[in-house]
């Protein structure tokens, strides 16, 4: 079973979870961790770590907002556990695709597919209207 912990600076994480719920409905395997909801970043880390340790048979996909950011840097340390995968640079498309991926597919494979798809969905449109710029 996969659990998703969406972690960010400010309240981006809860916004992402709220948007995901609006689109797909059941998000029972998803939790948000806004840094602003914790006294310190270490408190956020300890909260996530305690879940990972208490449920060693569960795979945890930790999605963070910013590569190199404090939330990401701290949660990366949890990759010492075999049941933890950290995906950074999250966006809603990436979150939805990975959350909805098959439980039969290896988490690492599902994550790599979702990341590639997410990259391919980033586009620039400019004047004239609807002109796609490569």
N, C-alpha and C. Protein backbone atom coordinates (compact mmCIF):
# COMPACT_ATOMS: atom_id res chain seq x y z
N UNK A 1 0.84 -1.18 0.00
CA UNK A 1 0.00 0.00 0.00
C UNK A 1 0.89 1.24 0.00
N UNK A 2 0.46 2.25 -0.74
CA UNK A 2 1.18 3.53 -0.79
C UNK A 2 0.43 4.60 -0.03
N UNK A 3 1.18 5.35 0.75
CA UNK A 3 0.67 6.54 1.41
C UNK A 3 1.43 7.74 0.84
N UNK A 4 0.74 8.84 0.73
CA UNK A 4 1.34 10.06 0.19
C UNK A 4 1.35 11.14 1.25
N UNK A 5 2.52 11.73 1.43
CA UNK A 5 2.64 12.87 2.33
C UNK A 5 3.12 14.03 1.48
N UNK A 6 2.29 15.05 1.39
CA UNK A 6 2.59 16.23 0.59
C UNK A 6 3.10 17.30 1.55
N UNK A 7 4.34 17.73 1.36
CA UNK A 7 4.99 18.64 2.31
C UNK A 7 5.51 19.87 1.59
N UNK A 8 5.33 21.03 2.25
CA UNK A 8 5.75 22.28 1.60
C UNK A 8 5.98 23.39 2.60
N UNK A 9 6.57 24.44 2.08
CA UNK A 9 6.63 25.71 2.80
C UNK A 9 5.22 26.30 2.78
N UNK A 10 4.93 27.20 3.69
CA UNK A 10 3.62 27.85 3.69
C UNK A 10 2.50 26.84 3.74
N UNK A 11 1.46 27.07 2.95
CA UNK A 11 0.30 26.19 2.94
C UNK A 11 0.05 25.56 1.58
N UNK A 12 1.10 25.48 0.77
CA UNK A 12 0.98 24.87 -0.55
C UNK A 12 0.51 23.42 -0.47
N UNK A 13 1.03 22.67 0.48
CA UNK A 13 0.68 21.25 0.60
C UNK A 13 -0.82 21.04 0.80
N UNK A 14 -1.42 21.78 1.71
CA UNK A 14 -2.86 21.61 1.95
C UNK A 14 -3.66 22.07 0.74
N UNK A 15 -3.17 23.06 0.03
CA UNK A 15 -3.84 23.48 -1.20
C UNK A 15 -3.80 22.41 -2.28
N UNK A 16 -2.65 21.74 -2.40
CA UNK A 16 -2.53 20.65 -3.37
C UNK A 16 -3.47 19.49 -3.01
N UNK A 17 -3.51 19.15 -1.74
CA UNK A 17 -4.38 18.07 -1.30
C UNK A 17 -5.85 18.44 -1.51
N UNK A 18 -6.20 19.68 -1.24
CA UNK A 18 -7.57 20.16 -1.46
C UNK A 18 -7.94 20.07 -2.93
N UNK A 19 -7.04 20.49 -3.81
CA UNK A 19 -7.31 20.43 -5.25
C UNK A 19 -7.42 18.98 -5.72
N UNK A 20 -6.57 18.11 -5.21
CA UNK A 20 -6.63 16.69 -5.57
C UNK A 20 -7.96 16.08 -5.15
N UNK A 21 -8.42 16.44 -3.95
CA UNK A 21 -9.70 15.92 -3.47
C UNK A 21 -10.84 16.41 -4.34
N UNK A 22 -10.79 17.64 -4.79
CA UNK A 22 -11.84 18.19 -5.65
C UNK A 22 -11.91 17.42 -6.98
N UNK A 23 -10.76 17.00 -7.48
CA UNK A 23 -10.70 16.33 -8.78
C UNK A 23 -10.99 14.84 -8.69
N UNK A 24 -10.38 14.15 -7.71
CA UNK A 24 -10.51 12.69 -7.68
C UNK A 24 -11.39 12.15 -6.56
N UNK A 25 -11.75 12.99 -5.63
CA UNK A 25 -12.62 12.52 -4.54
C UNK A 25 -11.82 11.91 -3.42
N UNK A 26 -11.78 10.58 -3.36
CA UNK A 26 -11.15 9.86 -2.25
C UNK A 26 -9.64 10.09 -2.21
N UNK A 27 -9.19 10.75 -1.18
CA UNK A 27 -7.75 10.97 -0.99
C UNK A 27 -7.32 10.40 0.37
N UNK A 28 -7.91 9.30 0.74
CA UNK A 28 -7.67 8.72 2.06
C UNK A 28 -6.21 8.31 2.28
N UNK A 29 -5.45 8.15 1.21
CA UNK A 29 -4.04 7.78 1.34
C UNK A 29 -3.12 8.99 1.23
N UNK A 30 -3.68 10.19 1.37
CA UNK A 30 -2.90 11.41 1.19
C UNK A 30 -3.05 12.32 2.41
N UNK A 31 -1.92 12.89 2.82
CA UNK A 31 -1.89 13.80 3.97
C UNK A 31 -1.03 15.00 3.61
N UNK A 32 -1.43 16.16 4.08
CA UNK A 32 -0.61 17.35 3.85
C UNK A 32 0.17 17.71 5.11
N UNK A 33 1.36 18.24 4.90
CA UNK A 33 2.20 18.74 5.99
C UNK A 33 2.70 20.12 5.57
N UNK A 34 2.00 21.15 6.03
CA UNK A 34 2.43 22.52 5.77
C UNK A 34 3.45 22.90 6.83
N UNK A 35 4.59 23.40 6.40
CA UNK A 35 5.60 23.83 7.37
C UNK A 35 5.03 24.85 8.34
N UNK A 36 4.11 25.68 7.86
CA UNK A 36 3.51 26.72 8.71
C UNK A 36 2.65 26.15 9.83
N UNK A 37 2.29 24.87 9.76
CA UNK A 37 1.49 24.23 10.81
C UNK A 37 2.33 23.65 11.94
N UNK A 38 3.64 23.71 11.80
CA UNK A 38 4.54 23.13 12.79
C UNK A 38 5.32 24.24 13.48
N UNK A 39 5.73 23.98 14.70
CA UNK A 39 6.54 24.95 15.43
C UNK A 39 7.90 25.14 14.76
N UNK A 40 8.52 24.00 14.37
CA UNK A 40 9.81 24.04 13.68
C UNK A 40 9.80 23.02 12.55
N UNK A 41 10.77 23.15 11.68
CA UNK A 41 10.89 22.17 10.59
C UNK A 41 11.24 20.79 11.13
N UNK A 42 11.95 20.76 12.24
CA UNK A 42 12.26 19.47 12.87
C UNK A 42 11.01 18.77 13.36
N UNK A 43 10.01 19.53 13.77
CA UNK A 43 8.73 18.92 14.19
C UNK A 43 8.04 18.26 13.00
N UNK A 44 8.08 18.91 11.84
CA UNK A 44 7.50 18.32 10.62
C UNK A 44 8.23 17.02 10.32
N UNK A 45 9.55 17.08 10.33
CA UNK A 45 10.37 15.89 10.07
C UNK A 45 10.02 14.75 11.01
N UNK A 46 9.94 15.02 12.29
CA UNK A 46 9.64 13.98 13.28
C UNK A 46 8.24 13.40 13.07
N UNK A 47 7.29 14.23 12.68
CA UNK A 47 5.93 13.76 12.39
C UNK A 47 5.94 12.75 11.25
N UNK A 48 6.62 13.11 10.16
CA UNK A 48 6.68 12.22 9.00
C UNK A 48 7.48 10.96 9.35
N UNK A 49 8.60 11.13 10.00
CA UNK A 49 9.45 9.99 10.37
C UNK A 49 8.69 9.00 11.26
N UNK A 50 7.91 9.49 12.18
CA UNK A 50 7.18 8.57 13.07
C UNK A 50 6.18 7.73 12.28
N UNK A 51 5.55 8.30 11.26
CA UNK A 51 4.64 7.52 10.41
C UNK A 51 5.40 6.45 9.65
N UNK A 52 6.54 6.82 9.08
CA UNK A 52 7.35 5.89 8.29
C UNK A 52 7.81 4.72 9.16
N UNK A 53 8.27 5.00 10.36
CA UNK A 53 8.77 3.95 11.25
C UNK A 53 7.64 3.07 11.76
N UNK A 54 6.51 3.66 12.08
CA UNK A 54 5.38 2.90 12.64
C UNK A 54 4.73 1.98 11.61
N UNK A 55 4.91 2.29 10.32
CA UNK A 55 4.25 1.52 9.26
C UNK A 55 5.28 1.07 8.23
N UNK A 56 6.20 0.23 8.65
CA UNK A 56 7.32 -0.16 7.79
C UNK A 56 6.90 -0.97 6.57
N UNK A 57 5.71 -1.54 6.56
CA UNK A 57 5.23 -2.30 5.40
C UNK A 57 4.56 -1.39 4.37
N UNK A 58 4.32 -0.16 4.72
CA UNK A 58 3.68 0.80 3.82
C UNK A 58 4.75 1.58 3.08
N UNK A 59 4.56 1.77 1.78
CA UNK A 59 5.46 2.62 1.01
C UNK A 59 4.98 4.06 1.14
N UNK A 60 5.90 4.95 1.41
CA UNK A 60 5.59 6.37 1.55
C UNK A 60 6.17 7.15 0.39
N UNK A 61 5.31 7.87 -0.30
CA UNK A 61 5.75 8.81 -1.32
C UNK A 61 5.65 10.19 -0.70
N UNK A 62 6.80 10.81 -0.49
CA UNK A 62 6.86 12.14 0.08
C UNK A 62 7.05 13.11 -1.09
N UNK A 63 6.10 14.01 -1.27
CA UNK A 63 6.20 14.98 -2.35
C UNK A 63 6.47 16.35 -1.74
N UNK A 64 7.54 16.99 -2.22
CA UNK A 64 7.93 18.28 -1.69
C UNK A 64 7.90 19.35 -2.77
N UNK A 65 7.86 20.59 -2.33
CA UNK A 65 7.66 21.70 -3.26
C UNK A 65 8.91 22.13 -4.01
N UNK A 66 10.06 22.09 -3.40
CA UNK A 66 11.21 22.77 -3.98
C UNK A 66 12.50 22.00 -3.77
N UNK A 67 13.13 21.59 -4.86
CA UNK A 67 14.43 20.94 -4.79
C UNK A 67 15.43 21.89 -4.12
N UNK A 68 16.10 21.41 -3.09
CA UNK A 68 17.07 22.23 -2.38
C UNK A 68 16.47 23.06 -1.27
N UNK A 69 15.13 23.04 -1.16
CA UNK A 69 14.46 23.77 -0.09
C UNK A 69 14.61 23.03 1.24
N UNK A 70 14.38 23.72 2.32
CA UNK A 70 14.57 23.13 3.65
C UNK A 70 13.66 21.92 3.89
N UNK A 71 12.43 21.97 3.43
CA UNK A 71 11.51 20.84 3.61
C UNK A 71 12.04 19.62 2.87
N UNK A 72 12.41 19.82 1.62
CA UNK A 72 12.95 18.73 0.81
C UNK A 72 14.25 18.19 1.39
N UNK A 73 15.15 19.08 1.74
CA UNK A 73 16.45 18.64 2.24
C UNK A 73 16.30 17.78 3.50
N UNK A 74 15.41 18.15 4.38
CA UNK A 74 15.23 17.39 5.61
C UNK A 74 14.54 16.05 5.34
N UNK A 75 13.49 16.06 4.53
CA UNK A 75 12.77 14.81 4.26
C UNK A 75 13.58 13.84 3.42
N UNK A 76 14.55 14.34 2.65
CA UNK A 76 15.43 13.45 1.89
C UNK A 76 16.16 12.48 2.81
N UNK A 77 16.39 12.87 4.04
CA UNK A 77 17.08 12.00 4.99
C UNK A 77 16.29 10.72 5.24
N UNK A 78 14.98 10.76 5.01
CA UNK A 78 14.16 9.57 5.25
C UNK A 78 14.32 8.51 4.17
N UNK A 79 15.07 8.83 3.12
CA UNK A 79 15.37 7.83 2.10
C UNK A 79 16.26 6.72 2.65
N UNK A 80 16.73 6.86 3.87
CA UNK A 80 17.48 5.77 4.50
C UNK A 80 16.56 4.58 4.77
N UNK A 81 15.25 4.80 4.74
CA UNK A 81 14.28 3.72 4.92
C UNK A 81 13.85 3.21 3.55
N UNK A 82 13.81 1.90 3.40
CA UNK A 82 13.53 1.29 2.09
C UNK A 82 12.10 1.56 1.61
N UNK A 83 11.23 2.00 2.49
CA UNK A 83 9.83 2.22 2.13
C UNK A 83 9.53 3.70 1.82
N UNK A 84 10.58 4.51 1.62
CA UNK A 84 10.39 5.95 1.39
C UNK A 84 10.92 6.35 0.02
N UNK A 85 10.10 7.14 -0.68
CA UNK A 85 10.46 7.72 -1.96
C UNK A 85 10.15 9.21 -1.88
N UNK A 86 11.09 10.05 -2.24
CA UNK A 86 10.88 11.50 -2.22
C UNK A 86 10.84 12.01 -3.65
N UNK A 87 9.77 12.71 -3.97
CA UNK A 87 9.61 13.35 -5.28
C UNK A 87 9.52 14.85 -5.02
N UNK A 88 10.37 15.62 -5.67
CA UNK A 88 10.37 17.05 -5.44
C UNK A 88 9.95 17.81 -6.69
N UNK A 89 9.67 19.08 -6.52
CA UNK A 89 9.19 19.89 -7.65
C UNK A 89 7.75 19.56 -7.99
N UNK A 90 6.97 19.27 -6.97
CA UNK A 90 5.60 18.80 -7.19
C UNK A 90 4.73 19.82 -7.92
N UNK A 91 3.80 19.28 -8.67
CA UNK A 91 2.72 20.07 -9.24
C UNK A 91 1.49 19.18 -9.23
N UNK A 92 0.35 19.75 -9.51
CA UNK A 92 -0.90 19.00 -9.36
C UNK A 92 -0.98 17.82 -10.32
N UNK A 93 -0.56 18.00 -11.55
CA UNK A 93 -0.58 16.90 -12.51
C UNK A 93 0.27 15.73 -12.05
N UNK A 94 1.44 16.02 -11.56
CA UNK A 94 2.35 15.00 -11.05
C UNK A 94 1.71 14.26 -9.86
N UNK A 95 1.15 15.02 -8.95
CA UNK A 95 0.51 14.43 -7.78
C UNK A 95 -0.64 13.50 -8.18
N UNK A 96 -1.50 13.96 -9.07
CA UNK A 96 -2.65 13.15 -9.48
C UNK A 96 -2.22 11.88 -10.20
N UNK A 97 -1.29 12.02 -11.13
CA UNK A 97 -0.86 10.84 -11.89
C UNK A 97 -0.23 9.79 -10.99
N UNK A 98 0.60 10.22 -10.08
CA UNK A 98 1.26 9.27 -9.20
C UNK A 98 0.28 8.65 -8.20
N UNK A 99 -0.62 9.46 -7.68
CA UNK A 99 -1.61 8.95 -6.73
C UNK A 99 -2.53 7.92 -7.38
N UNK A 100 -2.87 8.16 -8.63
CA UNK A 100 -3.79 7.26 -9.33
C UNK A 100 -3.10 6.10 -10.03
N UNK A 101 -1.78 6.02 -9.94
CA UNK A 101 -1.05 4.93 -10.60
C UNK A 101 -1.39 3.60 -9.92
N UNK A 102 -1.19 2.55 -10.65
CA UNK A 102 -1.53 1.21 -10.17
C UNK A 102 -0.65 0.81 -8.99
N UNK A 103 -1.28 0.21 -8.00
CA UNK A 103 -0.54 -0.31 -6.85
C UNK A 103 0.32 -1.50 -7.27
N UNK A 104 0.01 -2.10 -8.43
CA UNK A 104 0.78 -3.25 -8.92
C UNK A 104 2.10 -2.83 -9.54
N UNK A 105 2.21 -1.56 -9.88
CA UNK A 105 3.43 -1.04 -10.49
C UNK A 105 4.40 -0.63 -9.38
N UNK A 106 5.68 -0.93 -9.55
CA UNK A 106 6.67 -0.53 -8.57
C UNK A 106 6.61 0.99 -8.38
N UNK A 107 6.75 1.42 -7.17
CA UNK A 107 6.64 2.85 -6.86
C UNK A 107 7.68 3.66 -7.63
N UNK A 108 8.89 3.18 -7.69
CA UNK A 108 9.94 3.92 -8.39
C UNK A 108 9.59 4.08 -9.88
N UNK A 109 9.08 3.03 -10.49
CA UNK A 109 8.69 3.07 -11.90
C UNK A 109 7.52 4.04 -12.10
N UNK A 110 6.52 3.94 -11.25
CA UNK A 110 5.36 4.84 -11.34
C UNK A 110 5.78 6.29 -11.17
N UNK A 111 6.69 6.55 -10.23
CA UNK A 111 7.16 7.92 -10.00
C UNK A 111 7.91 8.45 -11.22
N UNK A 112 8.78 7.64 -11.78
CA UNK A 112 9.54 8.10 -12.96
C UNK A 112 8.62 8.39 -14.15
N UNK A 113 7.60 7.56 -14.34
CA UNK A 113 6.63 7.81 -15.41
C UNK A 113 5.87 9.11 -15.17
N UNK A 114 5.43 9.32 -13.94
CA UNK A 114 4.68 10.53 -13.61
C UNK A 114 5.55 11.77 -13.76
N UNK A 115 6.81 11.68 -13.38
CA UNK A 115 7.73 12.82 -13.53
C UNK A 115 7.92 13.15 -15.00
N UNK A 116 8.13 12.15 -15.82
CA UNK A 116 8.31 12.39 -17.26
C UNK A 116 7.06 13.01 -17.87
N UNK A 117 5.91 12.48 -17.51
CA UNK A 117 4.64 13.03 -18.00
C UNK A 117 4.48 14.49 -17.56
N UNK A 118 4.83 14.76 -16.32
CA UNK A 118 4.73 16.11 -15.79
C UNK A 118 5.63 17.07 -16.56
N UNK A 119 6.84 16.64 -16.84
CA UNK A 119 7.76 17.48 -17.63
C UNK A 119 7.17 17.78 -19.01
N UNK A 120 6.57 16.76 -19.61
CA UNK A 120 6.01 16.93 -20.96
C UNK A 120 4.77 17.82 -20.98
N UNK A 121 4.17 18.04 -19.83
CA UNK A 121 2.97 18.87 -19.76
C UNK A 121 3.25 20.33 -19.40
N UNK A 122 4.52 20.67 -19.26
CA UNK A 122 4.88 22.06 -19.00
C UNK A 122 5.10 22.73 -20.35
N UNK A 123 4.32 23.73 -20.62
CA UNK A 123 4.33 24.39 -21.93
C UNK A 123 4.26 25.90 -21.77
N UNK A 124 4.76 26.60 -22.78
CA UNK A 124 4.63 28.04 -22.86
C UNK A 124 3.76 28.37 -24.05
N UNK A 125 2.73 29.17 -23.81
CA UNK A 125 1.90 29.70 -24.87
C UNK A 125 2.05 31.21 -24.84
N UNK A 126 2.05 31.81 -26.02
CA UNK A 126 2.27 33.25 -26.09
C UNK A 126 1.47 33.83 -27.26
N UNK A 127 1.51 35.14 -27.38
CA UNK A 127 0.85 35.83 -28.48
C UNK A 127 1.50 35.40 -29.78
N UNK A 128 0.77 35.16 -30.83
CA UNK A 128 -0.68 35.21 -30.91
C UNK A 128 -1.31 34.08 -30.11
N UNK A 129 -2.54 34.30 -29.72
CA UNK A 129 -3.26 33.38 -28.84
C UNK A 129 -3.09 31.94 -29.32
N UNK A 130 -2.80 31.09 -28.35
CA UNK A 130 -2.66 29.65 -28.55
C UNK A 130 -1.45 29.24 -29.37
N UNK A 131 -0.52 30.12 -29.61
CA UNK A 131 0.69 29.70 -30.28
C UNK A 131 1.58 29.01 -29.26
N UNK A 132 1.89 27.78 -29.54
CA UNK A 132 2.77 27.02 -28.65
C UNK A 132 4.21 27.36 -29.00
N UNK A 133 4.98 27.67 -28.01
CA UNK A 133 6.38 28.04 -28.21
C UNK A 133 7.25 26.87 -27.77
N UNK A 134 8.12 26.38 -28.66
CA UNK A 134 9.04 25.29 -28.29
C UNK A 134 10.37 25.84 -27.92
